[in-house]
Amino acid sequence: MIIGNILQLEKSRAEFAETIYDVLARIHNLDFSQHPDGEMIEQGVVYKTFHANTEPSATRIAETHRQNIDVQFVISGTEYLEYQPVLSRTSDEAHPEQDNDFYYGKSGNEKSLILNSGDFVVLFPWDIHTPLCQVEAVQPVRKVVAKVPLSLLNLK
């Protein structure tokens, strides 16, 4: 997992594989006052822009994605994100038709971070994550989630 702020993107360039840097640069260059919610696909990367409300952590489901990296960017609002490494955990639910999405119950070992406007997090298949948790109260968040296929990075 990598976290940062989009305003520090150039200073952080050395931390990223070229594909991840390109995805973050693409997000950074979007004019969100003009960019509508919805989905777009560019060079094999699926970008989903949406509005959502945060929810209590207890009602959110932890997830991983076997075949892609999530690049999550907060356009506006604040969310709490729980995370932990997969290690030896097994999922409570899988979607074998996609062979990609796996869901987990609470383990009690979750760590957390707060994401504000301009913050991003890069989540790998070995990072269990629970996004859109409320900080103190339910609040609206607008964000972009880019789904980057592992095949674009030659990771296995």
C-alpha atoms as a PDB file:
ATOM      1  CA  MET A   1       0.000   0.000   0.000  1.00  0.00           C
ATOM      2  CA  ILE A   2       1.187   3.503  -0.838  1.00  0.00           C
ATOM      3  CA  ILE A   3      -0.467   6.689   0.397  1.00  0.00           C
ATOM      4  CA  GLY A   4       0.142  10.279  -0.605  1.00  0.00           C
ATOM      5  CA  ASN A   5      -1.299  13.578  -1.721  1.00  0.00           C
ATOM      6  CA  ILE A   6      -1.729  14.460  -5.372  1.00  0.00           C
ATOM      7  CA  LEU A   7       0.013  17.827  -4.835  1.00  0.00           C
ATOM      8  CA  GLN A   8       3.201  15.886  -4.003  1.00  0.00           C
ATOM      9  CA  LEU A   9       2.964  13.652  -7.086  1.00  0.00           C
ATOM     10  CA  GLU A  10       6.084  14.934  -8.853  1.00  0.00           C
ATOM     11  CA  LYS A  11       8.164  14.710  -5.673  1.00  0.00           C
ATOM     12  CA  SER A  12       6.953  11.135  -5.173  1.00  0.00           C
ATOM     13  CA  ARG A  13       7.470   9.980  -8.759  1.00  0.00           C
ATOM     14  CA  ALA A  14      10.362   7.647  -7.891  1.00  0.00           C
ATOM     15  CA  GLU A  15       8.067   5.646  -5.585  1.00  0.00           C
ATOM     16  CA  PHE A  16       5.781   4.461  -8.378  1.00  0.00           C
ATOM     17  CA  ALA A  17       5.882   2.031 -11.239  1.00  0.00           C
ATOM     18  CA  GLU A  18       5.439   4.020 -14.448  1.00  0.00           C
ATOM     19  CA  THR A  19       1.895   2.740 -14.969  1.00  0.00           C
ATOM     20  CA  ILE A  20       0.791   3.803 -11.467  1.00  0.00           C
ATOM     21  CA  TYR A  21       2.417   7.213 -11.899  1.00  0.00           C
ATOM     22  CA  ASP A  22       0.618   7.636 -15.252  1.00  0.00           C
ATOM     23  CA  VAL A  23      -2.738   6.781 -13.630  1.00  0.00           C
ATOM     24  CA  LEU A  24      -2.167   9.302 -10.833  1.00  0.00           C
ATOM     25  CA  ALA A  25      -1.032  11.956 -13.340  1.00  0.00           C
ATOM     26  CA  ARG A  26      -4.194  11.321 -15.388  1.00  0.00           C
ATOM     27  CA  ILE A  27      -6.326  11.773 -12.263  1.00  0.00           C
ATOM     28  CA  HIS A  28      -4.386  14.910 -11.298  1.00  0.00           C
ATOM     29  CA  ASN A  29      -5.053  16.451 -14.719  1.00  0.00           C
ATOM     30  CA  LEU A  30      -8.833  15.916 -14.622  1.00  0.00           C
ATOM     31  CA  ASP A  31     -10.970  19.007 -14.083  1.00  0.00           C
ATOM     32  CA  PHE A  32     -13.449  17.629 -11.572  1.00  0.00           C
ATOM     33  CA  SER A  33     -15.688  20.686 -11.855  1.00  0.00           C
ATOM     34  CA  GLN A  34     -16.351  19.507 -15.430  1.00  0.00           C
ATOM     35  CA  HIS A  35     -15.744  15.762 -15.097  1.00  0.00           C
ATOM     36  CA  PRO A  36     -19.018  13.848 -14.599  1.00  0.00           C
ATOM     37  CA  ASP A  37     -19.560  10.794 -12.461  1.00  0.00           C
ATOM     38  CA  GLY A  38     -19.340   7.575 -14.428  1.00  0.00           C
ATOM     39  CA  GLU A  39     -16.854   5.141 -15.868  1.00  0.00           C
ATOM     40  CA  MET A  40     -14.192   5.570 -18.510  1.00  0.00           C
ATOM     41  CA  ILE A  41     -11.573   3.162 -19.796  1.00  0.00           C
ATOM     42  CA  GLU A  42      -8.179   4.319 -21.017  1.00  0.00           C
ATOM     43  CA  GLN A  43      -5.284   2.030 -21.921  1.00  0.00           C
ATOM     44  CA  GLY A  44      -6.844  -0.883 -20.055  1.00  0.00           C
ATOM     45  CA  VAL A  45      -7.429   1.077 -16.822  1.00  0.00           C
ATOM     46  CA  VAL A  46     -11.026   1.522 -15.623  1.00  0.00           C
ATOM     47  CA  TYR A  47     -11.654   4.882 -13.916  1.00  0.00           C
ATOM     48  CA  LYS A  48     -14.851   5.118 -11.848  1.00  0.00           C
ATOM     49  CA  THR A  49     -15.843   8.579 -10.600  1.00  0.00           C
ATOM     50  CA  PHE A  50     -18.710   8.658  -8.109  1.00  0.00           C
ATOM     51  CA  HIS A  51     -20.389  10.234  -5.096  1.00  0.00           C
ATOM     52  CA  ALA A  52     -21.018   8.113  -1.985  1.00  0.00           C
ATOM     53  CA  ASN A  53     -21.787   8.582   1.673  1.00  0.00           C
ATOM     54  CA  THR A  54     -19.463   7.259   4.331  1.00  0.00           C
ATOM     55  CA  GLU A  55     -20.900   4.655   6.695  1.00  0.00           C
ATOM     56  CA  PRO A  56     -20.001   3.239  10.107  1.00  0.00           C
ATOM     57  CA  SER A  57     -17.030   0.896   9.845  1.00  0.00           C
ATOM     58  CA  ALA A  58     -19.078  -1.991  11.256  1.00  0.00           C
ATOM     59  CA  THR A  59     -21.406  -1.885   8.233  1.00  0.00           C
ATOM     60  CA  ARG A  60     -18.654  -1.736   5.588  1.00  0.00           C
ATOM     61  CA  ILE A  61     -17.169  -4.866   4.010  1.00  0.00           C
ATOM     62  CA  ALA A  62     -13.410  -5.405   3.634  1.00  0.00           C
ATOM     63  CA  GLU A  63     -12.234  -6.437   0.175  1.00  0.00           C
ATOM     64  CA  THR A  64      -9.288  -7.388  -2.011  1.00  0.00           C
ATOM     65  CA  HIS A  65      -8.982  -7.726  -5.765  1.00  0.00           C
ATOM     66  CA  ARG A  66      -6.798 -10.513  -7.108  1.00  0.00           C
ATOM     67  CA  GLN A  67      -6.330  -9.192 -10.643  1.00  0.00           C
ATOM     68  CA  ASN A  68      -5.980  -5.453 -10.170  1.00  0.00           C
ATOM     69  CA  ILE A  69      -4.538  -2.631  -8.125  1.00  0.00           C
ATOM     70  CA  ASP A  70      -6.940  -0.019  -6.757  1.00  0.00           C
ATOM     71  CA  VAL A  71      -5.834   3.595  -7.015  1.00  0.00           C
ATOM     72  CA  GLN A  72      -8.328   5.541  -4.887  1.00  0.00           C
ATOM     73  CA  PHE A  73      -8.346   9.350  -4.964  1.00  0.00           C
ATOM     74  CA  VAL A  74     -10.561  11.562  -2.787  1.00  0.00           C
ATOM     75  CA  ILE A  75     -11.892  14.518  -4.786  1.00  0.00           C
ATOM     76  CA  SER A  76     -13.916  15.963  -1.909  1.00  0.00           C
ATOM     77  CA  GLY A  77     -14.915  14.950   1.589  1.00  0.00           C
ATOM     78  CA  THR A  78     -13.161  12.855   4.200  1.00  0.00           C
ATOM     79  CA  GLU A  79     -13.199   9.113   4.701  1.00  0.00           C
ATOM     80  CA  TYR A  80     -11.645   6.643   7.076  1.00  0.00           C
ATOM     81  CA  LEU A  81     -10.042   3.623   5.383  1.00  0.00           C
ATOM     82  CA  GLU A  82      -9.268   0.423   7.266  1.00  0.00           C
ATOM     83  CA  TYR A  83      -6.553  -1.878   5.968  1.00  0.00           C
ATOM     84  CA  GLN A  84      -4.473  -4.926   6.810  1.00  0.00           C
ATOM     85  CA  PRO A  85      -2.260  -7.380   4.930  1.00  0.00           C
ATOM     86  CA  VAL A  86      -3.841 -10.546   3.565  1.00  0.00           C
ATOM     87  CA  LEU A  87      -1.161 -12.793   5.158  1.00  0.00           C
ATOM     88  CA  SER A  88      -2.946 -16.064   5.960  1.00  0.00           C
ATOM     89  CA  ARG A  89      -6.513 -14.712   6.001  1.00  0.00           C
ATOM     90  CA  THR A  90      -9.069 -16.474   3.874  1.00  0.00           C
ATOM     91  CA  SER A  91     -11.998 -14.612   2.446  1.00  0.00           C
ATOM     92  CA  ASP A  92     -15.497 -15.076   3.785  1.00  0.00           C
ATOM     93  CA  GLU A  93     -16.914 -14.640   0.311  1.00  0.00           C
ATOM     94  CA  ALA A  94     -15.473 -14.816  -3.184  1.00  0.00           C
ATOM     95  CA  HIS A  95     -16.911 -14.207  -6.612  1.00  0.00           C
ATOM     96  CA  PRO A  96     -15.398 -17.041  -8.666  1.00  0.00           C
ATOM     97  CA  GLU A  97     -17.195 -15.920 -11.822  1.00  0.00           C
ATOM     98  CA  GLN A  98     -14.882 -12.918 -11.776  1.00  0.00           C
ATOM     99  CA  ASP A  99     -12.027 -14.625  -9.904  1.00  0.00           C
ATOM    100  CA  ASN A 100     -11.157 -11.143  -8.705  1.00  0.00           C
ATOM    101  CA  ASP A 101     -13.211  -9.842  -5.780  1.00  0.00           C
ATOM    102  CA  PHE A 102     -12.850 -11.291  -2.286  1.00  0.00           C
ATOM    103  CA  TYR A 103     -14.643 -10.116   0.857  1.00  0.00           C
ATOM    104  CA  TYR A 104     -13.638 -10.421   4.507  1.00  0.00           C
ATOM    105  CA  GLY A 105     -15.205 -10.062   7.936  1.00  0.00           C
ATOM    106  CA  LYS A 106     -13.620  -7.995  10.701  1.00  0.00           C
ATOM    107  CA  SER A 107     -10.480  -9.497  12.244  1.00  0.00           C
ATOM    108  CA  GLY A 108      -9.813  -6.979  15.002  1.00  0.00           C
ATOM    109  CA  ASN A 109      -6.353  -6.351  13.526  1.00  0.00           C
ATOM    110  CA  GLU A 110      -7.341  -3.558  11.148  1.00  0.00           C
ATOM    111  CA  LYS A 111      -5.298  -0.383  11.018  1.00  0.00           C
ATOM    112  CA  SER A 112      -6.758   2.853   9.736  1.00  0.00           C
ATOM    113  CA  LEU A 113      -6.000   6.112   8.032  1.00  0.00           C
ATOM    114  CA  ILE A 114      -7.992   9.205   7.182  1.00  0.00           C
ATOM    115  CA  LEU A 115      -8.145  10.361   3.572  1.00  0.00           C
ATOM    116  CA  ASN A 116      -9.041  13.983   2.814  1.00  0.00           C
ATOM    117  CA  SER A 117      -9.521  15.879  -0.446  1.00  0.00           C
ATOM    118  CA  GLY A 118      -6.412  15.427  -2.586  1.00  0.00           C
ATOM    119  CA  ASP A 119      -5.228  12.253  -0.843  1.00  0.00           C
ATOM    120  CA  PHE A 120      -4.750   8.973  -2.670  1.00  0.00           C
ATOM    121  CA  VAL A 121      -4.025   5.393  -1.724  1.00  0.00           C
ATOM    122  CA  VAL A 122      -2.632   2.634  -3.946  1.00  0.00           C
ATOM    123  CA  LEU A 123      -3.906  -0.767  -2.803  1.00  0.00           C
ATOM    124  CA  PHE A 124      -2.370  -4.000  -4.056  1.00  0.00           C
ATOM    125  CA  PRO A 125      -4.021  -7.451  -4.152  1.00  0.00           C
ATOM    126  CA  TRP A 126      -2.389  -8.287  -0.816  1.00  0.00           C
ATOM    127  CA  ASP A 127      -3.942  -5.240   0.901  1.00  0.00           C
ATOM    128  CA  ILE A 128      -7.325  -5.950   2.496  1.00  0.00           C
ATOM    129  CA  HIS A 129      -9.133  -2.622   2.565  1.00  0.00           C
ATOM    130  CA  THR A 130     -12.426  -1.190   3.791  1.00  0.00           C
ATOM    131  CA  PRO A 131     -13.097   2.177   2.128  1.00  0.00           C
ATOM    132  CA  LEU A 132     -15.764   4.798   2.796  1.00  0.00           C
ATOM    133  CA  CYS A 133     -15.905   4.433   6.571  1.00  0.00           C
ATOM    134  CA  GLN A 134     -17.194   7.498   8.401  1.00  0.00           C
ATOM    135  CA  VAL A 135     -14.791   9.545  10.511  1.00  0.00           C
ATOM    136  CA  GLU A 136     -17.235  11.031  13.040  1.00  0.00           C
ATOM    137  CA  ALA A 137     -20.512  11.289  11.176  1.00  0.00           C
ATOM    138  CA  VAL A 138     -21.867  10.227   7.817  1.00  0.00           C
ATOM    139  CA  GLN A 139     -20.696  12.616   5.127  1.00  0.00           C
ATOM    140  CA  PRO A 140     -20.631  12.770   1.336  1.00  0.00           C
ATOM    141  CA  VAL A 141     -17.434  11.877  -0.487  1.00  0.00           C
ATOM    142  CA  ARG A 142     -16.603  12.206  -4.159  1.00  0.00           C
ATOM    143  CA  LYS A 143     -13.802  10.027  -5.404  1.00  0.00           C
ATOM    144  CA  VAL A 144     -12.163   8.276  -8.321  1.00  0.00           C
ATOM    145  CA  VAL A 145     -11.220   4.614  -8.139  1.00  0.00           C
ATOM    146  CA  ALA A 146      -8.929   3.433 -10.924  1.00  0.00           C
ATOM    147  CA  LYS A 147      -8.736  -0.324 -11.469  1.00  0.00           C
ATOM    148  CA  VAL A 148      -5.260  -1.076 -12.836  1.00  0.00           C
ATOM    149  CA  PRO A 149      -4.842  -4.632 -14.178  1.00  0.00           C
ATOM    150  CA  LEU A 150      -1.797  -6.377 -12.741  1.00  0.00           C
ATOM    151  CA  SER A 151      -0.921  -7.411 -16.280  1.00  0.00           C
ATOM    152  CA  LEU A 152      -0.018  -3.775 -17.033  1.00  0.00           C
ATOM    153  CA  LEU A 153       2.714  -3.963 -14.369  1.00  0.00           C
ATOM    154  CA  ASN A 154       3.909  -7.507 -15.054  1.00  0.00           C
ATOM    155  CA  LEU A 155       3.224  -8.470 -11.419  1.00  0.00           C
ATOM    156  CA  LYS A 156       2.098 -11.952 -10.510  1.00  0.00           C
END
